[in-house]
Amino acid sequence: MNTLQAGDNAPSFTLENQNGETVALSALLEANQVLVYFYPKALTPGCTVQAEQLRDHKAQLAELNTVAVGISPDPVKKLKNFETKKELNFDLLSDEDHAIADAFGVWGLKKFMGKEYDGIHRISFLIGQDGVIKHVFNKFKTKEHHQVVIDHLSAQ
């Protein structure tokens, strides 16, 4: 796994969101910097807490010229279920073949309960409007992710 770092150009992507609409990173960057956060699986405890915190702090992120978008290998239908059940208010993007996760360097070997498997590592990237990664968030607890991001943005 070779994770992208601050200063690297973010890979461009166009993926389907929970509503089956195509969302392009380039379009998002026209108005804001973008927090691209990768998460393993919709409707699991850690991923739910992380998404709910971003939902609840969307206005605070907007004040800091930032929009969040989540990417997971879940199919569109599962993302729609996640959005509906948890009343999420931002785009969840489906990367079923994990091509975008691979491009960002967040797909790789994981260990859980003694088993090894390939999957998405929970890492977030702050991408400036110029398409360059400004910061990588890779050390946080899911329930504190939003605050780590907001603290970083507020300090800029």
N, C-alpha and C. Protein backbone atom coordinates (compact mmCIF):
# COMPACT_ATOMS: atom_id res chain seq x y z
N MET A 1 0.85 -1.18 0.00
CA MET A 1 0.00 0.00 0.00
C MET A 1 0.89 1.24 0.00
N ASN A 2 0.72 2.09 -0.98
CA ASN A 2 1.52 3.30 -1.12
C ASN A 2 0.58 4.50 -1.07
N THR A 3 0.25 4.96 0.12
CA THR A 3 -0.73 6.02 0.32
C THR A 3 -0.20 7.36 -0.16
N LEU A 4 -1.04 8.10 -0.87
CA LEU A 4 -0.67 9.44 -1.32
C LEU A 4 -0.43 10.34 -0.11
N GLN A 5 0.39 11.36 -0.31
CA GLN A 5 0.78 12.26 0.78
C GLN A 5 0.47 13.71 0.40
N ALA A 6 0.54 14.59 1.39
CA ALA A 6 0.37 16.02 1.14
C ALA A 6 1.37 16.45 0.07
N GLY A 7 0.90 17.25 -0.87
CA GLY A 7 1.74 17.71 -1.98
C GLY A 7 1.54 16.92 -3.24
N ASP A 8 0.99 15.71 -3.13
CA ASP A 8 0.69 14.89 -4.32
C ASP A 8 -0.57 15.41 -5.00
N ASN A 9 -0.65 15.22 -6.30
CA ASN A 9 -1.88 15.53 -7.02
C ASN A 9 -2.90 14.44 -6.71
N ALA A 10 -4.11 14.86 -6.41
CA ALA A 10 -5.18 13.90 -6.14
C ALA A 10 -5.63 13.28 -7.47
N PRO A 11 -5.83 11.97 -7.49
CA PRO A 11 -6.35 11.34 -8.71
C PRO A 11 -7.75 11.87 -9.01
N SER A 12 -8.00 12.20 -10.25
CA SER A 12 -9.35 12.64 -10.60
C SER A 12 -10.25 11.40 -10.61
N PHE A 13 -11.52 11.61 -10.29
CA PHE A 13 -12.45 10.50 -10.32
C PHE A 13 -13.87 10.98 -10.58
N THR A 14 -14.65 10.08 -11.12
CA THR A 14 -16.09 10.27 -11.28
C THR A 14 -16.73 8.96 -10.85
N LEU A 15 -17.57 9.03 -9.82
CA LEU A 15 -18.22 7.84 -9.27
C LEU A 15 -19.71 8.11 -9.08
N GLU A 16 -20.48 7.05 -8.93
CA GLU A 16 -21.91 7.19 -8.66
C GLU A 16 -22.14 7.40 -7.17
N ASN A 17 -23.07 8.31 -6.87
CA ASN A 17 -23.42 8.52 -5.46
C ASN A 17 -24.62 7.65 -5.08
N GLN A 18 -25.11 7.83 -3.88
CA GLN A 18 -26.19 7.02 -3.35
C GLN A 18 -27.49 7.17 -4.14
N ASN A 19 -27.60 8.21 -4.95
CA ASN A 19 -28.80 8.44 -5.77
C ASN A 19 -28.60 8.01 -7.22
N GLY A 20 -27.47 7.38 -7.51
CA GLY A 20 -27.19 6.95 -8.87
C GLY A 20 -26.72 8.07 -9.78
N GLU A 21 -26.40 9.22 -9.20
CA GLU A 21 -25.90 10.36 -9.98
C GLU A 21 -24.37 10.31 -10.02
N THR A 22 -23.80 10.78 -11.12
CA THR A 22 -22.35 10.80 -11.20
C THR A 22 -21.82 12.07 -10.51
N VAL A 23 -20.77 11.88 -9.75
CA VAL A 23 -20.12 12.97 -9.02
C VAL A 23 -18.64 12.95 -9.39
N ALA A 24 -18.16 14.10 -9.88
CA ALA A 24 -16.76 14.22 -10.28
C ALA A 24 -16.02 15.09 -9.28
N LEU A 25 -14.83 14.67 -8.90
CA LEU A 25 -14.00 15.47 -8.00
C LEU A 25 -13.79 16.86 -8.59
N SER A 26 -13.55 16.96 -9.89
CA SER A 26 -13.30 18.26 -10.52
C SER A 26 -14.47 19.22 -10.32
N ALA A 27 -15.70 18.72 -10.37
CA ALA A 27 -16.88 19.57 -10.17
C ALA A 27 -16.97 20.03 -8.71
N LEU A 28 -16.67 19.14 -7.78
CA LEU A 28 -16.70 19.51 -6.36
C LEU A 28 -15.67 20.59 -6.05
N LEU A 29 -14.52 20.49 -6.69
CA LEU A 29 -13.42 21.42 -6.41
C LEU A 29 -13.66 22.82 -6.99
N GLU A 30 -14.66 22.96 -7.85
CA GLU A 30 -14.95 24.28 -8.43
C GLU A 30 -15.38 25.28 -7.35
N ALA A 31 -16.04 24.79 -6.31
CA ALA A 31 -16.58 25.69 -5.30
C ALA A 31 -15.90 25.59 -3.94
N ASN A 32 -15.28 24.46 -3.63
CA ASN A 32 -14.75 24.22 -2.30
C ASN A 32 -13.51 23.35 -2.35
N GLN A 33 -12.79 23.31 -1.23
CA GLN A 33 -11.84 22.22 -1.06
C GLN A 33 -12.67 21.02 -0.63
N VAL A 34 -12.12 19.83 -0.81
CA VAL A 34 -12.91 18.61 -0.58
C VAL A 34 -12.19 17.70 0.40
N LEU A 35 -12.95 17.22 1.38
CA LEU A 35 -12.48 16.19 2.28
C LEU A 35 -12.98 14.86 1.72
N VAL A 36 -12.07 14.09 1.14
CA VAL A 36 -12.42 12.76 0.63
C VAL A 36 -12.07 11.77 1.73
N TYR A 37 -13.11 11.15 2.28
CA TYR A 37 -12.82 10.19 3.34
C TYR A 37 -13.22 8.79 2.90
N PHE A 38 -12.28 7.88 3.06
CA PHE A 38 -12.49 6.48 2.71
C PHE A 38 -12.90 5.73 3.97
N TYR A 39 -13.94 4.92 3.84
CA TYR A 39 -14.41 4.13 4.96
C TYR A 39 -14.73 2.71 4.48
N PRO A 40 -14.56 1.71 5.34
CA PRO A 40 -14.67 0.32 4.90
C PRO A 40 -16.05 -0.17 4.49
N LYS A 41 -17.09 0.14 5.28
CA LYS A 41 -18.38 -0.49 5.01
C LYS A 41 -19.53 0.29 5.64
N ALA A 42 -20.52 0.62 4.81
CA ALA A 42 -21.71 1.34 5.28
C ALA A 42 -22.44 0.55 6.35
N LEU A 43 -23.03 1.29 7.28
CA LEU A 43 -23.89 0.74 8.34
C LEU A 43 -23.17 -0.12 9.36
N THR A 44 -21.85 -0.05 9.42
CA THR A 44 -21.12 -0.70 10.50
C THR A 44 -20.90 0.35 11.60
N PRO A 45 -20.65 -0.07 12.82
CA PRO A 45 -20.60 0.90 13.93
C PRO A 45 -19.62 2.07 13.74
N GLY A 46 -18.37 1.79 13.43
CA GLY A 46 -17.38 2.86 13.27
C GLY A 46 -17.70 3.77 12.10
N CYS A 47 -18.10 3.20 10.99
CA CYS A 47 -18.42 3.99 9.80
C CYS A 47 -19.65 4.85 10.03
N THR A 48 -20.61 4.32 10.79
CA THR A 48 -21.82 5.08 11.10
C THR A 48 -21.50 6.28 11.97
N VAL A 49 -20.72 6.09 13.03
CA VAL A 49 -20.33 7.19 13.91
C VAL A 49 -19.60 8.27 13.12
N GLN A 50 -18.67 7.87 12.28
CA GLN A 50 -17.90 8.82 11.49
C GLN A 50 -18.83 9.63 10.58
N ALA A 51 -19.73 8.95 9.88
CA ALA A 51 -20.65 9.63 8.96
C ALA A 51 -21.61 10.55 9.70
N GLU A 52 -22.13 10.10 10.84
CA GLU A 52 -23.05 10.94 11.61
C GLU A 52 -22.39 12.21 12.10
N GLN A 53 -21.12 12.12 12.51
CA GLN A 53 -20.40 13.31 12.97
C GLN A 53 -20.18 14.30 11.81
N LEU A 54 -19.86 13.78 10.64
CA LEU A 54 -19.70 14.66 9.47
C LEU A 54 -21.05 15.28 9.09
N ARG A 55 -22.11 14.50 9.19
CA ARG A 55 -23.47 15.02 8.94
C ARG A 55 -23.77 16.18 9.88
N ASP A 56 -23.52 15.96 11.18
CA ASP A 56 -23.86 16.95 12.20
C ASP A 56 -22.99 18.19 12.14
N HIS A 57 -21.83 18.11 11.50
CA HIS A 57 -20.91 19.24 11.43
C HIS A 57 -20.74 19.77 10.00
N LYS A 58 -21.69 19.43 9.13
CA LYS A 58 -21.60 19.86 7.72
C LYS A 58 -21.54 21.40 7.62
N ALA A 59 -22.36 22.10 8.39
CA ALA A 59 -22.37 23.57 8.32
C ALA A 59 -21.03 24.15 8.77
N GLN A 60 -20.45 23.57 9.80
CA GLN A 60 -19.15 24.05 10.28
C GLN A 60 -18.07 23.82 9.21
N LEU A 61 -18.12 22.68 8.54
CA LEU A 61 -17.18 22.42 7.44
C LEU A 61 -17.39 23.43 6.31
N ALA A 62 -18.65 23.71 6.00
CA ALA A 62 -18.96 24.67 4.92
C ALA A 62 -18.40 26.05 5.24
N GLU A 63 -18.47 26.45 6.51
CA GLU A 63 -17.91 27.74 6.92
C GLU A 63 -16.40 27.77 6.68
N LEU A 64 -15.79 26.60 6.67
CA LEU A 64 -14.35 26.48 6.44
C LEU A 64 -14.05 26.11 4.98
N ASN A 65 -15.02 26.38 4.09
CA ASN A 65 -14.86 26.17 2.65
C ASN A 65 -14.52 24.72 2.30
N THR A 66 -15.19 23.79 3.00
CA THR A 66 -14.89 22.38 2.81
C THR A 66 -16.18 21.58 2.68
N VAL A 67 -16.20 20.67 1.73
CA VAL A 67 -17.31 19.74 1.56
C VAL A 67 -16.75 18.33 1.72
N ALA A 68 -17.50 17.49 2.44
CA ALA A 68 -17.07 16.11 2.66
C ALA A 68 -17.76 15.17 1.69
N VAL A 69 -17.03 14.15 1.27
CA VAL A 69 -17.58 13.09 0.43
C VAL A 69 -16.95 11.78 0.88
N GLY A 70 -17.80 10.77 1.09
CA GLY A 70 -17.33 9.48 1.54
C GLY A 70 -17.22 8.49 0.40
N ILE A 71 -16.21 7.65 0.42
CA ILE A 71 -16.01 6.63 -0.61
C ILE A 71 -15.82 5.27 0.07
N SER A 72 -16.59 4.29 -0.42
CA SER A 72 -16.46 2.91 0.08
C SER A 72 -16.71 1.95 -1.08
N PRO A 73 -16.39 0.68 -0.88
CA PRO A 73 -16.65 -0.30 -1.95
C PRO A 73 -18.10 -0.80 -1.97
N ASP A 74 -18.98 -0.17 -1.21
CA ASP A 74 -20.38 -0.58 -1.17
C ASP A 74 -21.10 -0.25 -2.47
N PRO A 75 -22.08 -1.08 -2.87
CA PRO A 75 -22.90 -0.76 -4.05
C PRO A 75 -23.82 0.43 -3.77
N VAL A 76 -24.27 1.09 -4.82
CA VAL A 76 -25.12 2.28 -4.71
C VAL A 76 -26.34 2.01 -3.83
N LYS A 77 -26.98 0.88 -3.99
CA LYS A 77 -28.19 0.56 -3.22
C LYS A 77 -27.91 0.56 -1.71
N LYS A 78 -26.79 0.02 -1.30
CA LYS A 78 -26.43 0.00 0.13
C LYS A 78 -26.13 1.41 0.62
N LEU A 79 -25.51 2.23 -0.23
CA LEU A 79 -25.22 3.62 0.15
C LEU A 79 -26.52 4.40 0.35
N LYS A 80 -27.51 4.14 -0.50
CA LYS A 80 -28.81 4.80 -0.37
C LYS A 80 -29.46 4.40 0.96
N ASN A 81 -29.36 3.14 1.31
CA ASN A 81 -29.90 2.65 2.58
C ASN A 81 -29.20 3.33 3.75
N PHE A 82 -27.88 3.48 3.67
CA PHE A 82 -27.08 4.15 4.69
C PHE A 82 -27.54 5.59 4.85
N GLU A 83 -27.68 6.29 3.72
CA GLU A 83 -28.10 7.69 3.74
C GLU A 83 -29.47 7.82 4.39
N THR A 84 -30.40 6.97 3.99
CA THR A 84 -31.77 7.05 4.49
C THR A 84 -31.85 6.73 5.98
N LYS A 85 -31.25 5.63 6.38
CA LYS A 85 -31.32 5.21 7.79
C LYS A 85 -30.66 6.20 8.73
N LYS A 86 -29.59 6.81 8.30
CA LYS A 86 -28.82 7.70 9.18
C LYS A 86 -29.01 9.18 8.83
N GLU A 87 -29.94 9.46 7.91
CA GLU A 87 -30.27 10.84 7.51
C GLU A 87 -29.01 11.64 7.16
N LEU A 88 -28.17 11.04 6.32
CA LEU A 88 -26.93 11.70 5.92
C LEU A 88 -27.22 12.79 4.90
N ASN A 89 -26.37 13.81 4.87
CA ASN A 89 -26.61 15.00 4.05
C ASN A 89 -25.44 15.34 3.14
N PHE A 90 -24.71 14.32 2.71
CA PHE A 90 -23.58 14.54 1.81
C PHE A 90 -23.45 13.31 0.91
N ASP A 91 -22.63 13.44 -0.13
CA ASP A 91 -22.48 12.36 -1.10
C ASP A 91 -21.68 11.19 -0.53
N LEU A 92 -22.21 10.00 -0.77
CA LEU A 92 -21.51 8.74 -0.51
C LEU A 92 -21.26 8.13 -1.88
N LEU A 93 -20.03 7.81 -2.19
CA LEU A 93 -19.68 7.36 -3.53
C LEU A 93 -19.30 5.88 -3.52
N SER A 94 -19.77 5.19 -4.55
CA SER A 94 -19.54 3.75 -4.68
C SER A 94 -18.29 3.47 -5.52
N ASP A 95 -17.35 2.78 -4.92
CA ASP A 95 -16.09 2.39 -5.57
C ASP A 95 -15.97 0.87 -5.48
N GLU A 96 -16.95 0.17 -6.10
CA GLU A 96 -17.06 -1.28 -5.95
C GLU A 96 -15.81 -2.03 -6.39
N ASP A 97 -15.15 -1.55 -7.43
CA ASP A 97 -13.94 -2.25 -7.89
C ASP A 97 -12.67 -1.72 -7.19
N HIS A 98 -12.86 -0.83 -6.25
CA HIS A 98 -11.82 -0.18 -5.44
C HIS A 98 -10.71 0.46 -6.27
N ALA A 99 -11.02 0.88 -7.49
CA ALA A 99 -10.02 1.52 -8.35
C ALA A 99 -9.57 2.87 -7.77
N ILE A 100 -10.51 3.62 -7.22
CA ILE A 100 -10.15 4.93 -6.65
C ILE A 100 -9.39 4.74 -5.35
N ALA A 101 -9.83 3.77 -4.54
CA ALA A 101 -9.10 3.45 -3.31
C ALA A 101 -7.66 3.05 -3.65
N ASP A 102 -7.49 2.25 -4.70
CA ASP A 102 -6.15 1.87 -5.15
C ASP A 102 -5.35 3.11 -5.56
N ALA A 103 -5.99 4.02 -6.31
CA ALA A 103 -5.30 5.21 -6.81
C ALA A 103 -4.82 6.11 -5.67
N PHE A 104 -5.60 6.16 -4.58
CA PHE A 104 -5.21 6.96 -3.42
C PHE A 104 -4.28 6.20 -2.48
N GLY A 105 -4.13 4.90 -2.72
CA GLY A 105 -3.24 4.09 -1.90
C GLY A 105 -3.84 3.71 -0.56
N VAL A 106 -5.17 3.52 -0.51
CA VAL A 106 -5.82 3.16 0.75
C VAL A 106 -6.40 1.74 0.74
N TRP A 107 -6.18 1.01 -0.34
CA TRP A 107 -6.63 -0.38 -0.43
C TRP A 107 -5.43 -1.28 -0.15
N GLY A 108 -5.57 -2.17 0.82
CA GLY A 108 -4.45 -3.04 1.13
C GLY A 108 -4.79 -4.04 2.21
N LEU A 109 -3.78 -4.75 2.64
CA LEU A 109 -3.93 -5.81 3.63
C LEU A 109 -4.37 -5.25 4.97
N LYS A 110 -5.39 -5.90 5.54
CA LYS A 110 -5.91 -5.53 6.86
C LYS A 110 -5.96 -6.78 7.72
N LYS A 111 -5.96 -6.57 9.02
CA LYS A 111 -6.10 -7.67 9.96
C LYS A 111 -7.24 -7.34 10.91
N PHE A 112 -8.11 -8.34 11.12
CA PHE A 112 -9.23 -8.16 12.04
C PHE A 112 -9.58 -9.50 12.66
N MET A 113 -9.53 -9.55 13.98
CA MET A 113 -9.86 -10.76 14.72
C MET A 113 -9.09 -11.98 14.21
N GLY A 114 -7.80 -11.78 13.97
CA GLY A 114 -6.94 -12.87 13.55
C GLY A 114 -6.99 -13.24 12.08
N LYS A 115 -7.83 -12.55 11.32
CA LYS A 115 -7.93 -12.84 9.88
C LYS A 115 -7.29 -11.71 9.08
N GLU A 116 -6.69 -12.10 7.95
CA GLU A 116 -6.11 -11.11 7.05
C GLU A 116 -6.95 -11.07 5.78
N TYR A 117 -7.15 -9.87 5.26
CA TYR A 117 -7.93 -9.68 4.04
C TYR A 117 -7.58 -8.32 3.43
N ASP A 118 -7.92 -8.13 2.17
CA ASP A 118 -7.72 -6.84 1.52
C ASP A 118 -8.96 -5.98 1.72
N GLY A 119 -8.74 -4.70 2.00
CA GLY A 119 -9.86 -3.79 2.20
C GLY A 119 -9.39 -2.36 2.26
N ILE A 120 -10.34 -1.47 2.49
CA ILE A 120 -10.06 -0.03 2.56
C ILE A 120 -9.57 0.32 3.96
N HIS A 121 -8.51 1.09 3.99
CA HIS A 121 -8.01 1.65 5.25
C HIS A 121 -8.70 2.99 5.46
N ARG A 122 -9.06 3.29 6.69
CA ARG A 122 -9.81 4.50 7.03
C ARG A 122 -8.84 5.69 7.03
N ILE A 123 -8.75 6.35 5.89
CA ILE A 123 -7.85 7.48 5.71
C ILE A 123 -8.62 8.57 4.96
N SER A 124 -8.37 9.82 5.32
CA SER A 124 -9.04 10.96 4.68
C SER A 124 -8.01 11.90 4.07
N PHE A 125 -8.42 12.55 3.00
CA PHE A 125 -7.54 13.46 2.27
C PHE A 125 -8.24 14.81 2.11
N LEU A 126 -7.56 15.88 2.49
CA LEU A 126 -8.05 17.22 2.24
C LEU A 126 -7.43 17.67 0.93
N ILE A 127 -8.28 17.93 -0.06
CA ILE A 127 -7.82 18.28 -1.40
C ILE A 127 -8.16 19.74 -1.67
N GLY A 128 -7.13 20.52 -1.98
CA GLY A 128 -7.32 21.93 -2.29
C GLY A 128 -7.98 22.11 -3.64
N GLN A 129 -8.50 23.30 -3.88
CA GLN A 129 -9.20 23.59 -5.14
C GLN A 129 -8.28 23.44 -6.36
N ASP A 130 -6.97 23.43 -6.12
CA ASP A 130 -6.02 23.22 -7.21
C ASP A 130 -5.79 21.73 -7.51
N GLY A 131 -6.49 20.84 -6.76
CA GLY A 131 -6.36 19.41 -6.99
C GLY A 131 -5.19 18.75 -6.28
N VAL A 132 -4.50 19.52 -5.45
CA VAL A 132 -3.35 18.99 -4.71
C VAL A 132 -3.80 18.62 -3.29
N ILE A 133 -3.30 17.49 -2.82
CA ILE A 133 -3.61 17.05 -1.46
C ILE A 133 -2.91 17.97 -0.47
N LYS A 134 -3.71 18.60 0.40
CA LYS A 134 -3.17 19.54 1.38
C LYS A 134 -2.82 18.85 2.69
N HIS A 135 -3.57 17.80 3.03
CA HIS A 135 -3.32 17.12 4.30
C HIS A 135 -3.90 15.71 4.24
N VAL A 136 -3.25 14.79 4.92
CA VAL A 136 -3.73 13.41 5.03
C VAL A 136 -4.04 13.15 6.50
N PHE A 137 -5.27 12.70 6.76
CA PHE A 137 -5.70 12.35 8.11
C PHE A 137 -5.70 10.83 8.21
N ASN A 138 -4.76 10.28 8.99
CA ASN A 138 -4.68 8.82 9.08
C ASN A 138 -4.54 8.33 10.52
N LYS A 139 -4.56 9.24 11.47
CA LYS A 139 -4.48 8.84 12.88
C LYS A 139 -5.61 9.55 13.63
N PHE A 140 -6.72 8.84 13.81
CA PHE A 140 -7.86 9.40 14.52
C PHE A 140 -8.80 8.27 14.92
N LYS A 141 -9.63 8.55 15.91
CA LYS A 141 -10.71 7.65 16.28
C LYS A 141 -11.93 8.07 15.47
N THR A 142 -12.76 7.12 15.08
CA THR A 142 -13.89 7.45 14.22
C THR A 142 -14.79 8.53 14.81
N LYS A 143 -15.02 8.48 16.11
CA LYS A 143 -15.91 9.47 16.72
C LYS A 143 -15.27 10.85 16.82
N GLU A 144 -13.95 10.95 16.60
CA GLU A 144 -13.24 12.22 16.69
C GLU A 144 -12.77 12.74 15.32
N HIS A 145 -13.02 11.98 14.26
CA HIS A 145 -12.55 12.34 12.92
C HIS A 145 -12.96 13.76 12.55
N HIS A 146 -14.24 14.08 12.71
CA HIS A 146 -14.74 15.41 12.34
C HIS A 146 -13.99 16.51 13.08
N GLN A 147 -13.71 16.29 14.37
CA GLN A 147 -13.06 17.33 15.17
C GLN A 147 -11.59 17.49 14.77
N VAL A 148 -10.93 16.40 14.45
CA VAL A 148 -9.54 16.46 13.97
C VAL A 148 -9.48 17.29 12.68
N VAL A 149 -10.44 17.05 11.79
CA VAL A 149 -10.50 17.81 10.53
C VAL A 149 -10.80 19.28 10.78
N ILE A 150 -11.82 19.56 11.61
CA ILE A 150 -12.19 20.94 11.89
C ILE A 150 -11.06 21.69 12.58
N ASP A 151 -10.39 21.04 13.52
CA ASP A 151 -9.25 21.69 14.20
C ASP A 151 -8.15 22.03 13.19
N HIS A 152 -7.88 21.12 12.27
CA HIS A 152 -6.86 21.37 11.25
C HIS A 152 -7.27 22.55 10.36
N LEU A 153 -8.52 22.54 9.90
CA LEU A 153 -8.99 23.60 9.02
C LEU A 153 -8.99 24.95 9.73
N SER A 154 -9.36 24.97 11.00
CA SER A 154 -9.42 26.21 11.76
C SER A 154 -8.04 26.80 12.00
N ALA A 155 -7.03 25.95 12.04
CA ALA A 155 -5.66 26.40 12.29
C ALA A 155 -4.98 26.95 11.03
N GLN A 156 -5.59 26.75 9.88
CA GLN A 156 -4.96 27.21 8.63
C GLN A 156 -5.02 28.71 8.49
